[in-house]
Protein backbone atom coordinates (compact mmCIF):
# COMPACT_ATOMS: atom_id res chain seq x y z
CA MET A 1 0.00 0.00 0.00
CA ALA A 2 2.84 2.38 0.83
CA SER A 3 4.44 1.76 -2.58
CA THR A 4 1.16 2.70 -4.31
CA SER A 5 1.09 5.94 -2.39
CA ARG A 6 4.71 6.62 -3.40
CA ARG A 7 3.98 5.83 -7.03
CA SER A 8 0.94 8.07 -7.13
CA THR A 9 3.17 11.10 -6.71
CA SER A 10 5.18 10.32 -9.84
CA GLY A 11 4.18 9.84 -13.45
CA SER A 12 3.62 12.56 -15.99
CA TYR A 13 1.04 15.15 -15.10
CA ASP A 14 1.07 18.83 -15.90
CA SER A 15 -1.78 20.94 -14.53
CA ASN A 16 -1.09 23.48 -17.28
CA ASN A 17 -1.36 20.79 -19.98
CA ILE A 18 -3.86 22.17 -22.51
CA THR A 19 -4.75 18.75 -23.91
CA GLY A 20 -5.37 17.40 -20.41
CA GLU A 21 -3.40 14.23 -21.17
CA CYS A 22 -1.68 12.35 -18.38
CA PHE A 23 0.69 9.42 -18.61
CA CYS A 24 1.28 6.81 -15.94
CA GLU A 25 4.63 5.26 -14.99
CA CYS A 26 4.03 2.55 -17.62
CA GLY A 27 4.08 5.28 -20.28
CA LEU A 28 0.41 4.71 -21.13
CA ARG A 29 -2.03 7.57 -21.57
CA ALA A 30 -4.17 7.68 -18.43
CA PRO A 31 -7.75 8.52 -19.42
CA LEU A 32 -9.95 10.83 -17.38
CA GLN A 33 -12.37 8.74 -15.30
CA VAL A 34 -15.20 9.47 -12.87
CA SER A 35 -15.37 7.96 -9.39
CA ASN A 36 -18.43 5.93 -8.44
CA SER A 37 -17.48 5.49 -4.78
CA MET A 38 -19.75 7.10 -2.19
CA ALA A 39 -16.84 9.02 -0.65
CA ASN A 40 -15.86 10.66 -3.95
CA LEU A 41 -18.99 10.27 -6.08
CA GLY A 42 -18.62 12.11 -9.39
CA ARG A 43 -15.05 13.26 -8.72
CA LYS A 44 -12.77 13.01 -11.75
CA TYR A 45 -9.40 11.27 -11.71
CA TYR A 46 -6.63 9.80 -13.85
CA ALA A 47 -5.30 6.27 -13.31
CA CYS A 48 -3.08 3.72 -15.04
CA PRO A 49 -5.34 2.03 -17.62
CA ALA A 50 -3.52 -1.30 -17.25
CA ARG A 51 -3.44 -1.06 -13.43
CA ARG A 52 0.17 -2.22 -13.49
CA CYS A 53 2.05 0.66 -11.93
CA GLY A 54 -0.62 1.92 -9.53
CA TRP A 55 -0.35 5.51 -10.79
CA PHE A 56 -3.30 7.68 -9.70
CA ARG A 57 -4.06 11.41 -9.69
CA TRP A 58 -7.21 13.41 -8.89
CA ALA A 59 -8.21 15.80 -11.68
CA GLY A 60 -8.79 19.45 -10.92
CA PRO A 61 -8.43 21.26 -7.62
CA SER A 62 -8.93 19.32 -4.43
CA ILE A 63 -11.78 20.28 -2.12
CA GLN A 64 -10.66 21.64 1.22
CA HIS A 65 -12.70 21.10 4.39
CA SER A 66 -13.00 24.89 4.80
CA ASP A 67 -14.60 25.07 1.32
CA ILE A 68 -17.16 22.48 2.39
CA GLY A 69 -17.94 24.51 5.50
CA ASP A 70 -18.35 27.65 3.38
CA ASP A 71 -20.70 25.77 1.05
CA ARG A 72 -22.80 24.59 3.99
CA SER A 73 -22.91 28.09 5.47
CA CYS A 74 -23.97 29.50 2.11
CA GLN A 75 -26.65 26.82 1.76
CA LEU A 76 -27.99 27.51 5.25
CA ASN A 77 -28.12 31.23 4.49
CA SER A 78 -29.96 30.52 1.25
CA ASN A 79 -32.41 28.23 3.06
CA LEU A 80 -33.09 30.92 5.66
CA LYS A 81 -33.78 33.53 2.98
CA THR A 82 -36.08 31.11 1.15
CA SER A 83 -37.94 30.35 4.38
CA GLU A 84 -38.39 34.07 5.08
CA ARG A 85 -39.63 34.63 1.53
CA VAL A 86 -42.18 31.79 1.85
CA GLU A 87 -43.40 33.25 5.14
CA ASN A 88 -43.81 36.70 3.54
CA LEU A 89 -45.69 35.20 0.59
CA HIS A 90 -47.99 33.34 2.98
CA THR A 91 -48.76 36.62 4.77
CA ASP A 92 -49.48 38.28 1.40
CA VAL A 93 -51.88 35.47 0.44
CA VAL A 94 -53.80 35.81 3.73
CA TYR A 95 -54.01 39.60 3.25
CA LEU A 96 -55.25 39.25 -0.36
CA LYS A 97 -57.88 36.68 0.66
CA LEU A 98 -59.14 39.05 3.36
CA LEU A 99 -59.22 41.92 0.88
CA ALA A 100 -61.15 39.82 -1.65
CA PHE A 101 -63.63 38.79 1.04
CA LEU A 102 -64.18 42.43 2.06
CA GLN A 103 -64.74 43.42 -1.58
CA LEU A 104 -67.29 40.63 -1.90
CA LEU A 105 -69.14 41.89 1.20
CA VAL A 106 -69.18 45.45 -0.12
CA SER A 107 -70.50 44.33 -3.52
CA ILE A 108 -73.32 42.31 -1.90
CA GLU A 109 -74.55 45.29 0.19
CA ILE A 110 -74.98 47.52 -2.86
């Protein structure tokens, strides 16, 4: 397991590579793949296509725990604003129903 970890740091990968091609330690072009594991669902990575050398590299920037916290905070803020908006709309509906009822009463008395 330790040798796989060591190998994953080598191989040919250039983050500025316009073509996005990566090559493993075997010299094979490592295709871009998508993870299906629950821990990294949908995350893109490169790996040795023959699985001989154990070369592996995540594609794109890694997600930091602070970024996840920021995302959650942003989502909570958005949820709060949505909840407040729903409450305001509910109040508007009650007001409009009351107004419609009063107009109906006035029209009946005439």
